[in-house]
Amino acid sequence: MKKIVMMMFAALFAMNVLAENVNFKVANMHCQNCANRVEKTLKANEAVSEVKVDLESHAVSVSFDAEKTSVEALQKALADAKFEAEVAKSCCEKKQEGQEEKHECGGKCGGKKEKKTQE
């Protein structure tokens, strides 16, 4: 029994290590039908494990196996389905570029805020 539990833990760990996330901004996703098509398009790729679509902010978060597909391949699939998708920067990436620190996505970007150090 102990061996089985260890094997299951190792398999779960390996899956998490290979998993990557990307956030897209889909400018021409206007209705629930569009959101459903975006989700279906991405889930058609067997390397995609999870898709979260936020219609209000035009944001799409995708978890995928980086050994089986790439961000570019996912973006191309969306383009082939006539969606204008660009990789969205997390709020923290914007902050590093000198833009205002504000979670436009309501904190859903997954970016980690920088800790301020005392001088």
PDB file of N, CA and C in Angstrom:
ATOM      1  N   MET A   1       0.832  -1.192   0.000  1.00  0.00           N
ATOM      2  CA  MET A   1       0.000   0.000   0.000  1.00  0.00           C
ATOM      3  C   MET A   1       0.876   1.256   0.000  1.00  0.00           C
ATOM      4  N   LYS A   2       1.922   1.236   0.800  1.00  0.00           N
ATOM      5  CA  LYS A   2       2.819   2.381   0.901  1.00  0.00           C
ATOM      6  C   LYS A   2       3.476   2.677  -0.450  1.00  0.00           C
ATOM      7  N   LYS A   3       3.833   1.606  -1.169  1.00  0.00           N
ATOM      8  CA  LYS A   3       4.465   1.753  -2.478  1.00  0.00           C
ATOM      9  C   LYS A   3       3.507   2.404  -3.479  1.00  0.00           C
ATOM     10  N   ILE A   4       2.247   2.021  -3.423  1.00  0.00           N
ATOM     11  CA  ILE A   4       1.248   2.584  -4.333  1.00  0.00           C
ATOM     12  C   ILE A   4       1.065   4.076  -4.059  1.00  0.00           C
ATOM     13  N   VAL A   5       0.995   4.438  -2.799  1.00  0.00           N
ATOM     14  CA  VAL A   5       0.842   5.845  -2.432  1.00  0.00           C
ATOM     15  C   VAL A   5       2.041   6.647  -2.912  1.00  0.00           C
ATOM     16  N   MET A   6       3.230   6.119  -2.750  1.00  0.00           N
ATOM     17  CA  MET A   6       4.447   6.812  -3.192  1.00  0.00           C
ATOM     18  C   MET A   6       4.454   6.967  -4.712  1.00  0.00           C
ATOM     19  N   MET A   7       4.013   5.947  -5.442  1.00  0.00           N
ATOM     20  CA  MET A   7       3.968   6.024  -6.897  1.00  0.00           C
ATOM     21  C   MET A   7       2.953   7.073  -7.351  1.00  0.00           C
ATOM     22  N   MET A   8       1.802   7.125  -6.680  1.00  0.00           N
ATOM     23  CA  MET A   8       0.790   8.119  -7.025  1.00  0.00           C
ATOM     24  C   MET A   8       1.311   9.529  -6.752  1.00  0.00           C
ATOM     25  N   PHE A   9       1.987   9.705  -5.636  1.00  0.00           N
ATOM     26  CA  PHE A   9       2.553  11.010  -5.299  1.00  0.00           C
ATOM     27  C   PHE A   9       3.597  11.415  -6.336  1.00  0.00           C
ATOM     28  N   ALA A  10       4.433  10.493  -6.747  1.00  0.00           N
ATOM     29  CA  ALA A  10       5.467  10.786  -7.750  1.00  0.00           C
ATOM     30  C   ALA A  10       4.829  11.179  -9.080  1.00  0.00           C
ATOM     31  N   ALA A  11       3.756  10.499  -9.460  1.00  0.00           N
ATOM     32  CA  ALA A  11       3.072  10.820 -10.717  1.00  0.00           C
ATOM     33  C   ALA A  11       2.441  12.200 -10.656  1.00  0.00           C
ATOM     34  N   LEU A  12       1.805  12.530  -9.547  1.00  0.00           N
ATOM     35  CA  LEU A  12       1.215  13.856  -9.392  1.00  0.00           C
ATOM     36  C   LEU A  12       2.281  14.939  -9.396  1.00  0.00           C
ATOM     37  N   PHE A  13       3.392  14.674  -8.744  1.00  0.00           N
ATOM     38  CA  PHE A  13       4.493  15.633  -8.708  1.00  0.00           C
ATOM     39  C   PHE A  13       5.040  15.863 -10.110  1.00  0.00           C
ATOM     40  N   ALA A  14       5.219  14.804 -10.867  1.00  0.00           N
ATOM     41  CA  ALA A  14       5.733  14.923 -12.237  1.00  0.00           C
ATOM     42  C   ALA A  14       4.768  15.718 -13.104  1.00  0.00           C
ATOM     43  N   MET A  15       3.475  15.516 -12.939  1.00  0.00           N
ATOM     44  CA  MET A  15       2.494  16.254 -13.729  1.00  0.00           C
ATOM     45  C   MET A  15       2.561  17.740 -13.410  1.00  0.00           C
ATOM     46  N   ASN A  16       2.717  18.083 -12.131  1.00  0.00           N
ATOM     47  CA  ASN A  16       2.774  19.489 -11.743  1.00  0.00           C
ATOM     48  C   ASN A  16       4.057  20.156 -12.202  1.00  0.00           C
ATOM     49  N   VAL A  17       5.149  19.430 -12.248  1.00  0.00           N
ATOM     50  CA  VAL A  17       6.416  20.000 -12.673  1.00  0.00           C
ATOM     51  C   VAL A  17       6.353  20.376 -14.151  1.00  0.00           C
ATOM     52  N   LEU A  18       5.699  19.566 -14.949  1.00  0.00           N
ATOM     53  CA  LEU A  18       5.632  19.798 -16.385  1.00  0.00           C
ATOM     54  C   LEU A  18       4.542  20.801 -16.777  1.00  0.00           C
ATOM     55  N   ALA A  19       3.639  21.079 -15.851  1.00  0.00           N
ATOM     56  CA  ALA A  19       2.532  21.971 -16.174  1.00  0.00           C
ATOM     57  C   ALA A  19       2.986  23.424 -16.203  1.00  0.00           C
ATOM     58  N   GLU A  20       2.494  24.133 -17.195  1.00  0.00           N
ATOM     59  CA  GLU A  20       2.750  25.566 -17.309  1.00  0.00           C
ATOM     60  C   GLU A  20       1.420  26.274 -17.451  1.00  0.00           C
ATOM     61  N   ASN A  21       1.441  27.552 -17.182  1.00  0.00           N
ATOM     62  CA  ASN A  21       0.247  28.373 -17.318  1.00  0.00           C
ATOM     63  C   ASN A  21       0.541  29.545 -18.231  1.00  0.00           C
ATOM     64  N   VAL A  22      -0.470  29.942 -18.978  1.00  0.00           N
ATOM     65  CA  VAL A  22      -0.366  31.141 -19.802  1.00  0.00           C
ATOM     66  C   VAL A  22      -1.710  31.858 -19.727  1.00  0.00           C
ATOM     67  N   ASN A  23      -1.651  33.167 -19.759  1.00  0.00           N
ATOM     68  CA  ASN A  23      -2.860  33.977 -19.790  1.00  0.00           C
ATOM     69  C   ASN A  23      -2.914  34.704 -21.116  1.00  0.00           C
ATOM     70  N   PHE A  24      -4.069  34.606 -21.753  1.00  0.00           N
ATOM     71  CA  PHE A  24      -4.294  35.305 -23.007  1.00  0.00           C
ATOM     72  C   PHE A  24      -5.314  36.410 -22.799  1.00  0.00           C
ATOM     73  N   LYS A  25      -5.183  37.460 -23.563  1.00  0.00           N
ATOM     74  CA  LYS A  25      -6.197  38.500 -23.678  1.00  0.00           C
ATOM     75  C   LYS A  25      -6.807  38.294 -25.055  1.00  0.00           C
ATOM     76  N   VAL A  26      -8.108  38.008 -25.107  1.00  0.00           N
ATOM     77  CA  VAL A  26      -8.791  37.723 -26.370  1.00  0.00           C
ATOM     78  C   VAL A  26      -9.727  38.895 -26.670  1.00  0.00           C
ATOM     79  N   ALA A  27      -9.260  39.794 -27.513  1.00  0.00           N
ATOM     80  CA  ALA A  27      -9.947  41.055 -27.780  1.00  0.00           C
ATOM     81  C   ALA A  27     -11.335  40.864 -28.390  1.00  0.00           C
ATOM     82  N   ASN A  28     -11.487  39.902 -29.272  1.00  0.00           N
ATOM     83  CA  ASN A  28     -12.763  39.749 -29.973  1.00  0.00           C
ATOM     84  C   ASN A  28     -13.637  38.628 -29.401  1.00  0.00           C
ATOM     85  N   MET A  29     -13.551  38.406 -28.102  1.00  0.00           N
ATOM     86  CA  MET A  29     -14.424  37.456 -27.404  1.00  0.00           C
ATOM     87  C   MET A  29     -15.533  38.296 -26.751  1.00  0.00           C
ATOM     88  N   HIS A  30     -16.706  38.331 -27.386  1.00  0.00           N
ATOM     89  CA  HIS A  30     -17.746  39.277 -26.985  1.00  0.00           C
ATOM     90  C   HIS A  30     -18.936  38.674 -26.251  1.00  0.00           C
ATOM     91  N   CYS A  31     -19.182  37.390 -26.420  1.00  0.00           N
ATOM     92  CA  CYS A  31     -20.384  36.800 -25.842  1.00  0.00           C
ATOM     93  C   CYS A  31     -20.068  35.421 -25.258  1.00  0.00           C
ATOM     94  N   GLN A  32     -21.069  34.828 -24.621  1.00  0.00           N
ATOM     95  CA  GLN A  32     -20.870  33.518 -24.011  1.00  0.00           C
ATOM     96  C   GLN A  32     -20.572  32.455 -25.059  1.00  0.00           C
ATOM     97  N   ASN A  33     -21.150  32.584 -26.236  1.00  0.00           N
ATOM     98  CA  ASN A  33     -20.868  31.642 -27.317  1.00  0.00           C
ATOM     99  C   ASN A  33     -19.388  31.706 -27.693  1.00  0.00           C
ATOM    100  N   CYS A  34     -18.836  32.929 -27.780  1.00  0.00           N
ATOM    101  CA  CYS A  34     -17.404  33.093 -28.072  1.00  0.00           C
ATOM    102  C   CYS A  34     -16.566  32.428 -26.980  1.00  0.00           C
ATOM    103  N   ALA A  35     -16.938  32.677 -25.739  1.00  0.00           N
ATOM    104  CA  ALA A  35     -16.196  32.110 -24.610  1.00  0.00           C
ATOM    105  C   ALA A  35     -16.210  30.587 -24.674  1.00  0.00           C
ATOM    106  N   ASN A  36     -17.358  30.018 -25.014  1.00  0.00           N
ATOM    107  CA  ASN A  36     -17.465  28.563 -25.134  1.00  0.00           C
ATOM    108  C   ASN A  36     -16.581  28.041 -26.271  1.00  0.00           C
ATOM    109  N   ARG A  37     -16.552  28.771 -27.392  1.00  0.00           N
ATOM    110  CA  ARG A  37     -15.717  28.364 -28.531  1.00  0.00           C
ATOM    111  C   ARG A  37     -14.233  28.441 -28.186  1.00  0.00           C
ATOM    112  N   VAL A  38     -13.835  29.486 -27.456  1.00  0.00           N
ATOM    113  CA  VAL A  38     -12.436  29.613 -27.025  1.00  0.00           C
ATOM    114  C   VAL A  38     -12.067  28.424 -26.146  1.00  0.00           C
ATOM    115  N   GLU A  39     -12.914  28.118 -25.173  1.00  0.00           N
ATOM    116  CA  GLU A  39     -12.646  26.995 -24.271  1.00  0.00           C
ATOM    117  C   GLU A  39     -12.565  25.676 -25.035  1.00  0.00           C
ATOM    118  N   LYS A  40     -13.502  25.443 -25.931  1.00  0.00           N
ATOM    119  CA  LYS A  40     -13.526  24.202 -26.716  1.00  0.00           C
ATOM    120  C   LYS A  40     -12.286  24.091 -27.608  1.00  0.00           C
ATOM    121  N   THR A  41     -11.902  25.202 -28.224  1.00  0.00           N
ATOM    122  CA  THR A  41     -10.716  25.218 -29.094  1.00  0.00           C
ATOM    123  C   THR A  41      -9.474  24.818 -28.319  1.00  0.00           C
ATOM    124  N   LEU A  42      -9.293  25.378 -27.138  1.00  0.00           N
ATOM    125  CA  LEU A  42      -8.102  25.088 -26.347  1.00  0.00           C
ATOM    126  C   LEU A  42      -8.132  23.669 -25.777  1.00  0.00           C
ATOM    127  N   LYS A  43      -9.280  23.226 -25.326  1.00  0.00           N
ATOM    128  CA  LYS A  43      -9.394  21.878 -24.754  1.00  0.00           C
ATOM    129  C   LYS A  43      -9.255  20.779 -25.803  1.00  0.00           C
ATOM    130  N   ALA A  44      -9.348  21.141 -27.085  1.00  0.00           N
ATOM    131  CA  ALA A  44      -9.146  20.149 -28.143  1.00  0.00           C
ATOM    132  C   ALA A  44      -7.695  19.682 -28.179  1.00  0.00           C
ATOM    133  N   ASN A  45      -6.803  20.469 -27.623  1.00  0.00           N
ATOM    134  CA  ASN A  45      -5.392  20.099 -27.525  1.00  0.00           C
ATOM    135  C   ASN A  45      -5.230  19.186 -26.311  1.00  0.00           C
ATOM    136  N   GLU A  46      -4.765  17.959 -26.531  1.00  0.00           N
ATOM    137  CA  GLU A  46      -4.665  16.982 -25.439  1.00  0.00           C
ATOM    138  C   GLU A  46      -3.677  17.393 -24.351  1.00  0.00           C
ATOM    139  N   ALA A  47      -2.809  18.345 -24.624  1.00  0.00           N
ATOM    140  CA  ALA A  47      -1.835  18.807 -23.625  1.00  0.00           C
ATOM    141  C   ALA A  47      -2.445  19.808 -22.644  1.00  0.00           C
ATOM    142  N   VAL A  48      -3.626  20.319 -22.964  1.00  0.00           N
ATOM    143  CA  VAL A  48      -4.285  21.302 -22.107  1.00  0.00           C
ATOM    144  C   VAL A  48      -5.050  20.582 -21.007  1.00  0.00           C
ATOM    145  N   SER A  49      -4.754  20.965 -19.755  1.00  0.00           N
ATOM    146  CA  SER A  49      -5.418  20.319 -18.628  1.00  0.00           C
ATOM    147  C   SER A  49      -6.538  21.168 -18.045  1.00  0.00           C
ATOM    148  N   GLU A  50      -6.447  22.497 -18.217  1.00  0.00           N
ATOM    149  CA  GLU A  50      -7.480  23.359 -17.639  1.00  0.00           C
ATOM    150  C   GLU A  50      -7.561  24.671 -18.417  1.00  0.00           C
ATOM    151  N   VAL A  51      -8.784  25.149 -18.593  1.00  0.00           N
ATOM    152  CA  VAL A  51      -9.026  26.433 -19.246  1.00  0.00           C
ATOM    153  C   VAL A  51     -10.028  27.196 -18.394  1.00  0.00           C
ATOM    154  N   LYS A  52      -9.685  28.433 -18.070  1.00  0.00           N
ATOM    155  CA  LYS A  52     -10.603  29.309 -17.338  1.00  0.00           C
ATOM    156  C   LYS A  52     -10.811  30.556 -18.188  1.00  0.00           C
ATOM    157  N   VAL A  53     -12.071  30.836 -18.497  1.00  0.00           N
ATOM    158  CA  VAL A  53     -12.417  31.971 -19.349  1.00  0.00           C
ATOM    159  C   VAL A  53     -13.173  32.998 -18.519  1.00  0.00           C
ATOM    160  N   ASP A  54     -12.717  34.244 -18.564  1.00  0.00           N
ATOM    161  CA  ASP A  54     -13.409  35.349 -17.912  1.00  0.00           C
ATOM    162  C   ASP A  54     -13.877  36.288 -19.020  1.00  0.00           C
ATOM    163  N   LEU A  55     -15.131  36.147 -19.390  1.00  0.00           N
ATOM    164  CA  LEU A  55     -15.694  36.894 -20.507  1.00  0.00           C
ATOM    165  C   LEU A  55     -15.644  38.401 -20.259  1.00  0.00           C
ATOM    166  N   GLU A  56     -15.928  38.814 -19.042  1.00  0.00           N
ATOM    167  CA  GLU A  56     -15.985  40.245 -18.722  1.00  0.00           C
ATOM    168  C   GLU A  56     -14.654  40.953 -18.983  1.00  0.00           C
ATOM    169  N   SER A  57     -13.542  40.311 -18.619  1.00  0.00           N
ATOM    170  CA  SER A  57     -12.233  40.944 -18.803  1.00  0.00           C
ATOM    171  C   SER A  57     -11.512  40.450 -20.059  1.00  0.00           C
ATOM    172  N   HIS A  58     -12.171  39.581 -20.835  1.00  0.00           N
ATOM    173  CA  HIS A  58     -11.594  39.010 -22.061  1.00  0.00           C
ATOM    174  C   HIS A  58     -10.322  38.209 -21.760  1.00  0.00           C
ATOM    175  N   ALA A  59     -10.237  37.649 -20.569  1.00  0.00           N
ATOM    176  CA  ALA A  59      -9.045  36.914 -20.141  1.00  0.00           C
ATOM    177  C   ALA A  59      -9.282  35.409 -20.207  1.00  0.00           C
ATOM    178  N   VAL A  60      -8.239  34.695 -20.625  1.00  0.00           N
ATOM    179  CA  VAL A  60      -8.284  33.234 -20.694  1.00  0.00           C
ATOM    180  C   VAL A  60      -7.006  32.708 -20.057  1.00  0.00           C
ATOM    181  N   SER A  61      -7.172  31.850 -19.064  1.00  0.00           N
ATOM    182  CA  SER A  61      -6.035  31.236 -18.380  1.00  0.00           C
ATOM    183  C   SER A  61      -5.988  29.763 -18.779  1.00  0.00           C
ATOM    184  N   VAL A  62      -4.796  29.310 -19.180  1.00  0.00           N
ATOM    185  CA  VAL A  62      -4.647  27.939 -19.679  1.00  0.00           C
ATOM    186  C   VAL A  62      -3.509  27.239 -18.948  1.00  0.00           C
ATOM    187  N   SER A  63      -3.783  26.050 -18.450  1.00  0.00           N
ATOM    188  CA  SER A  63      -2.749  25.182 -17.884  1.00  0.00           C
ATOM    189  C   SER A  63      -2.493  24.075 -18.901  1.00  0.00           C
ATOM    190  N   PHE A  64      -1.210  23.827 -19.172  1.00  0.00           N
ATOM    191  CA  PHE A  64      -0.891  22.850 -20.211  1.00  0.00           C
ATOM    192  C   PHE A  64       0.438  22.167 -19.927  1.00  0.00           C
ATOM    193  N   ASP A  65       0.662  21.038 -20.599  1.00  0.00           N
ATOM    194  CA  ASP A  65       1.898  20.279 -20.495  1.00  0.00           C
ATOM    195  C   ASP A  65       2.883  20.858 -21.516  1.00  0.00           C
ATOM    196  N   ALA A  66       3.934  21.480 -21.015  1.00  0.00           N
ATOM    197  CA  ALA A  66       4.905  22.171 -21.871  1.00  0.00           C
ATOM    198  C   ALA A  66       5.735  21.216 -22.725  1.00  0.00           C
ATOM    199  N   GLU A  67       5.726  19.950 -22.390  1.00  0.00           N
ATOM    200  CA  GLU A  67       6.463  18.986 -23.209  1.00  0.00           C
ATOM    201  C   GLU A  67       5.660  18.542 -24.429  1.00  0.00           C
ATOM    202  N   LYS A  68       4.345  18.809 -24.414  1.00  0.00           N
ATOM    203  CA  LYS A  68       3.491  18.365 -25.508  1.00  0.00           C
ATOM    204  C   LYS A  68       3.014  19.493 -26.403  1.00  0.00           C
ATOM    205  N   THR A  69       3.042  20.714 -25.910  1.00  0.00           N
ATOM    206  CA  THR A  69       2.602  21.864 -26.712  1.00  0.00           C
ATOM    207  C   THR A  69       3.301  23.112 -26.232  1.00  0.00           C
ATOM    208  N   SER A  70       3.035  24.214 -26.899  1.00  0.00           N
ATOM    209  CA  SER A  70       3.682  25.482 -26.545  1.00  0.00           C
ATOM    210  C   SER A  70       2.654  26.604 -26.529  1.00  0.00           C
ATOM    211  N   VAL A  71       3.043  27.722 -25.982  1.00  0.00           N
ATOM    212  CA  VAL A  71       2.188  28.903 -25.976  1.00  0.00           C
ATOM    213  C   VAL A  71       1.854  29.299 -27.410  1.00  0.00           C
ATOM    214  N   GLU A  72       2.849  29.227 -28.272  1.00  0.00           N
ATOM    215  CA  GLU A  72       2.645  29.601 -29.672  1.00  0.00           C
ATOM    216  C   GLU A  72       1.614  28.705 -30.353  1.00  0.00           C
ATOM    217  N   ALA A  73       1.653  27.414 -30.050  1.00  0.00           N
ATOM    218  CA  ALA A  73       0.691  26.475 -30.642  1.00  0.00           C
ATOM    219  C   ALA A  73      -0.729  26.767 -30.146  1.00  0.00           C
ATOM    220  N   LEU A  74      -0.860  27.111 -28.878  1.00  0.00           N
ATOM    221  CA  LEU A  74      -2.176  27.448 -28.333  1.00  0.00           C
ATOM    222  C   LEU A  74      -2.695  28.739 -28.964  1.00  0.00           C
ATOM    223  N   GLN A  75      -1.809  29.705 -29.110  1.00  0.00           N
ATOM    224  CA  GLN A  75      -2.174  30.976 -29.723  1.00  0.00           C
ATOM    225  C   GLN A  75      -2.578  30.778 -31.188  1.00  0.00           C
ATOM    226  N   LYS A  76      -1.878  29.900 -31.896  1.00  0.00           N
ATOM    227  CA  LYS A  76      -2.211  29.605 -33.294  1.00  0.00           C
ATOM    228  C   LYS A  76      -3.582  28.927 -33.396  1.00  0.00           C
ATOM    229  N   ALA A  77      -3.878  28.030 -32.461  1.00  0.00           N
ATOM    230  CA  ALA A  77      -5.187  27.371 -32.468  1.00  0.00           C
ATOM    231  C   ALA A  77      -6.300  28.399 -32.312  1.00  0.00           C
ATOM    232  N   LEU A  78      -6.084  29.374 -31.439  1.00  0.00           N
ATOM    233  CA  LEU A  78      -7.079  30.432 -31.267  1.00  0.00           C
ATOM    234  C   LEU A  78      -7.192  31.287 -32.532  1.00  0.00           C
ATOM    235  N   ALA A  79      -6.055  31.587 -33.141  1.00  0.00           N
ATOM    236  CA  ALA A  79      -6.060  32.375 -34.385  1.00  0.00           C
ATOM    237  C   ALA A  79      -6.789  31.619 -35.496  1.00  0.00           C
ATOM    238  N   ASP A  80      -6.565  30.309 -35.589  1.00  0.00           N
ATOM    239  CA  ASP A  80      -7.249  29.490 -36.599  1.00  0.00           C
ATOM    240  C   ASP A  80      -8.767  29.490 -36.385  1.00  0.00           C
ATOM    241  N   ALA A  81      -9.171  29.674 -35.121  1.00  0.00           N
ATOM    242  CA  ALA A  81     -10.601  29.738 -34.795  1.00  0.00           C
ATOM    243  C   ALA A  81     -11.119  31.179 -34.873  1.00  0.00           C
ATOM    244  N   LYS A  82     -10.288  32.073 -35.437  1.00  0.00           N
ATOM    245  CA  LYS A  82     -10.649  33.480 -35.684  1.00  0.00           C
ATOM    246  C   LYS A  82     -10.710  34.333 -34.423  1.00  0.00           C
ATOM    247  N   PHE A  83      -9.886  33.979 -33.413  1.00  0.00           N
ATOM    248  CA  PHE A  83      -9.814  34.791 -32.207  1.00  0.00           C
ATOM    249  C   PHE A  83      -8.470  35.508 -32.149  1.00  0.00           C
ATOM    250  N   GLU A  84      -8.512  36.779 -31.798  1.00  0.00           N
ATOM    251  CA  GLU A  84      -7.316  37.601 -31.685  1.00  0.00           C
ATOM    252  C   GLU A  84      -6.792  37.499 -30.258  1.00  0.00           C
ATOM    253  N   ALA A  85      -5.852  36.598 -30.041  1.00  0.00           N
ATOM    254  CA  ALA A  85      -5.330  36.346 -28.697  1.00  0.00           C
ATOM    255  C   ALA A  85      -3.883  36.796 -28.604  1.00  0.00           C
ATOM    256  N   GLU A  86      -3.590  37.512 -27.536  1.00  0.00           N
ATOM    257  CA  GLU A  86      -2.203  37.865 -27.270  1.00  0.00           C
ATOM    258  C   GLU A  86      -1.888  37.469 -25.834  1.00  0.00           C
ATOM    259  N   VAL A  87      -0.643  37.141 -25.599  1.00  0.00           N
ATOM    260  CA  VAL A  87      -0.238  36.738 -24.263  1.00  0.00           C
ATOM    261  C   VAL A  87      -0.345  37.960 -23.357  1.00  0.00           C
ATOM    262  N   ALA A  88      -1.071  37.807 -22.269  1.00  0.00           N
ATOM    263  CA  ALA A  88      -1.277  38.901 -21.329  1.00  0.00           C
ATOM    264  C   ALA A  88      -0.153  38.912 -20.302  1.00  0.00           C
ATOM    265  N   LYS A  89       0.285  40.092 -19.960  1.00  0.00           N
ATOM    266  CA  LYS A  89       1.290  40.237 -18.918  1.00  0.00           C
ATOM    267  C   LYS A  89       0.594  40.263 -17.574  1.00  0.00           C
ATOM    268  N   SER A  90       1.218  39.642 -16.578  1.00  0.00           N
ATOM    269  CA  SER A  90       0.640  39.690 -15.242  1.00  0.00           C
ATOM    270  C   SER A  90       0.812  41.095 -14.682  1.00  0.00           C
ATOM    271  N   CYS A  91       0.046  41.416 -13.693  1.00  0.00           N
ATOM    272  CA  CYS A  91       0.120  42.733 -13.074  1.00  0.00           C
ATOM    273  C   CYS A  91       1.536  43.012 -12.561  1.00  0.00           C
ATOM    274  N   CYS A  92       2.199  41.984 -12.091  1.00  0.00           N
ATOM    275  CA  CYS A  92       3.553  42.171 -11.565  1.00  0.00           C
ATOM    276  C   CYS A  92       4.533  42.482 -12.689  1.00  0.00           C
ATOM    277  N   GLU A  93       4.349  41.871 -13.861  1.00  0.00           N
ATOM    278  CA  GLU A  93       5.211  42.190 -14.998  1.00  0.00           C
ATOM    279  C   GLU A  93       5.015  43.641 -15.406  1.00  0.00           C
ATOM    280  N   LYS A  94       3.772  44.129 -15.338  1.00  0.00           N
ATOM    281  CA  LYS A  94       3.513  45.522 -15.658  1.00  0.00           C
ATOM    282  C   LYS A  94       4.212  46.436 -14.662  1.00  0.00           C
ATOM    283  N   LYS A  95       4.171  46.047 -13.381  1.00  0.00           N
ATOM    284  CA  LYS A  95       4.789  46.864 -12.343  1.00  0.00           C
ATOM    285  C   LYS A  95       6.293  46.967 -12.579  1.00  0.00           C
ATOM    286  N   GLN A  96       6.907  45.872 -12.965  1.00  0.00           N
ATOM    287  CA  GLN A  96       8.337  45.873 -13.206  1.00  0.00           C
ATOM    288  C   GLN A  96       8.693  46.775 -14.375  1.00  0.00           C
ATOM    289  N   GLU A  97       7.751  47.001 -15.286  1.00  0.00           N
ATOM    290  CA  GLU A  97       7.989  47.888 -16.409  1.00  0.00           C
ATOM    291  C   GLU A  97       7.656  49.336 -16.056  1.00  0.00           C
ATOM    292  N   GLY A  98       7.328  49.593 -14.788  1.00  0.00           N
ATOM    293  CA  GLY A  98       7.071  50.946 -14.342  1.00  0.00           C
ATOM    294  C   GLY A  98       5.625  51.372 -14.411  1.00  0.00           C
ATOM    295  N   GLN A  99       4.735  50.468 -14.740  1.00  0.00           N
ATOM    296  CA  GLN A  99       3.326  50.812 -14.788  1.00  0.00           C
ATOM    297  C   GLN A  99       2.732  50.701 -13.394  1.00  0.00           C
ATOM    298  N   GLU A 100       1.584  51.298 -13.210  1.00  0.00           N
ATOM    299  CA  GLU A 100       0.922  51.330 -11.918  1.00  0.00           C
ATOM    300  C   GLU A 100       0.595  49.913 -11.437  1.00  0.00           C
ATOM    301  N   GLU A 101       0.798  49.676 -10.129  1.00  0.00           N
ATOM    302  CA  GLU A 101       0.466  48.362  -9.560  1.00  0.00           C
ATOM    303  C   GLU A 101      -1.032  48.325  -9.294  1.00  0.00           C
ATOM    304  N   LYS A 102      -1.731  47.602 -10.120  1.00  0.00           N
ATOM    305  CA  LYS A 102      -3.186  47.525 -10.038  1.00  0.00           C
ATOM    306  C   LYS A 102      -3.591  46.200 -10.668  1.00  0.00           C
ATOM    307  N   HIS A 103      -4.392  45.463  -9.970  1.00  0.00           N
ATOM    308  CA  HIS A 103      -4.860  44.193 -10.516  1.00  0.00           C
ATOM    309  C   HIS A 103      -6.079  44.439 -11.384  1.00  0.00           C
ATOM    310  N   GLU A 104      -5.843  44.658 -12.671  1.00  0.00           N
ATOM    311  CA  GLU A 104      -6.928  44.858 -13.626  1.00  0.00           C
ATOM    312  C   GLU A 104      -7.792  43.613 -13.720  1.00  0.00           C
ATOM    313  N   CYS A 105      -7.219  42.487 -13.370  1.00  0.00           N
ATOM    314  CA  CYS A 105      -7.920  41.215 -13.497  1.00  0.00           C
ATOM    315  C   CYS A 105      -8.602  40.823 -12.184  1.00  0.00           C
ATOM    316  N   GLY A 106      -8.608  41.705 -11.207  1.00  0.00           N
ATOM    317  CA  GLY A 106      -9.211  41.367  -9.918  1.00  0.00           C
ATOM    318  C   GLY A 106      -8.357  40.413  -9.115  1.00  0.00           C
ATOM    319  N   GLY A 107      -7.053  40.384  -9.357  1.00  0.00           N
ATOM    320  CA  GLY A 107      -6.143  39.511  -8.623  1.00  0.00           C
ATOM    321  C   GLY A 107      -6.030  38.119  -9.210  1.00  0.00           C
ATOM    322  N   LYS A 108      -6.570  37.891 -10.412  1.00  0.00           N
ATOM    323  CA  LYS A 108      -6.581  36.556 -11.018  1.00  0.00           C
ATOM    324  C   LYS A 108      -5.344  36.266 -11.856  1.00  0.00           C
ATOM    325  N   CYS A 109      -4.436  37.239 -11.953  1.00  0.00           N
ATOM    326  CA  CYS A 109      -3.309  37.069 -12.874  1.00  0.00           C
ATOM    327  C   CYS A 109      -2.308  36.028 -12.379  1.00  0.00           C
ATOM    328  N   GLY A 110      -2.334  35.760 -11.092  1.00  0.00           N
ATOM    329  CA  GLY A 110      -1.397  34.781 -10.561  1.00  0.00           C
ATOM    330  C   GLY A 110      -0.013  35.350 -10.324  1.00  0.00           C
ATOM    331  N   GLY A 111       0.175  36.610 -10.662  1.00  0.00           N
ATOM    332  CA  GLY A 111       1.460  37.264 -10.426  1.00  0.00           C
ATOM    333  C   GLY A 111       1.667  37.482  -8.942  1.00  0.00           C
ATOM    334  N   LYS A 112       2.906  37.381  -8.539  1.00  0.00           N
ATOM    335  CA  LYS A 112       3.213  37.591  -7.128  1.00  0.00           C
ATOM    336  C   LYS A 112       3.696  39.028  -6.956  1.00  0.00           C
ATOM    337  N   LYS A 113       3.105  39.692  -6.001  1.00  0.00           N
ATOM    338  CA  LYS A 113       3.500  41.068  -5.747  1.00  0.00           C
ATOM    339  C   LYS A 113       4.881  41.076  -5.107  1.00  0.00           C
ATOM    340  N   GLU A 114       5.660  42.090  -5.482  1.00  0.00           N
ATOM    341  CA  GLU A 114       6.996  42.217  -4.926  1.00  0.00           C
ATOM    342  C   GLU A 114       6.899  42.653  -3.474  1.00  0.00           C
ATOM    343  N   LYS A 115       7.755  42.084  -2.640  1.00  0.00           N
ATOM    344  CA  LYS A 115       7.794  42.497  -1.248  1.00  0.00           C
ATOM    345  C   LYS A 115       8.680  43.729  -1.148  1.00  0.00           C
ATOM    346  N   LYS A 116       8.162  44.716  -0.460  1.00  0.00           N
ATOM    347  CA  LYS A 116       8.942  45.939  -0.273  1.00  0.00           C
ATOM    348  C   LYS A 116       9.928  45.717   0.854  1.00  0.00           C
ATOM    349  N   THR A 117      11.142  46.107   0.624  1.00  0.00           N
ATOM    350  CA  THR A 117      12.169  45.962   1.662  1.00  0.00           C
ATOM    351  C   THR A 117      12.419  47.307   2.300  1.00  0.00           C
ATOM    352  N   GLN A 118      12.712  47.293   3.569  1.00  0.00           N
ATOM    353  CA  GLN A 118      13.005  48.523   4.281  1.00  0.00           C
ATOM    354  C   GLN A 118      14.450  48.897   4.032  1.00  0.00           C
ATOM    355  N   GLU A 119      14.692  50.181   3.814  1.00  0.00           N
ATOM    356  CA  GLU A 119      16.054  50.638   3.565  1.00  0.00           C
ATOM    357  C   GLU A 119      16.639  51.219   4.803  1.00  0.00           C
TER     358      GLU A 119
END
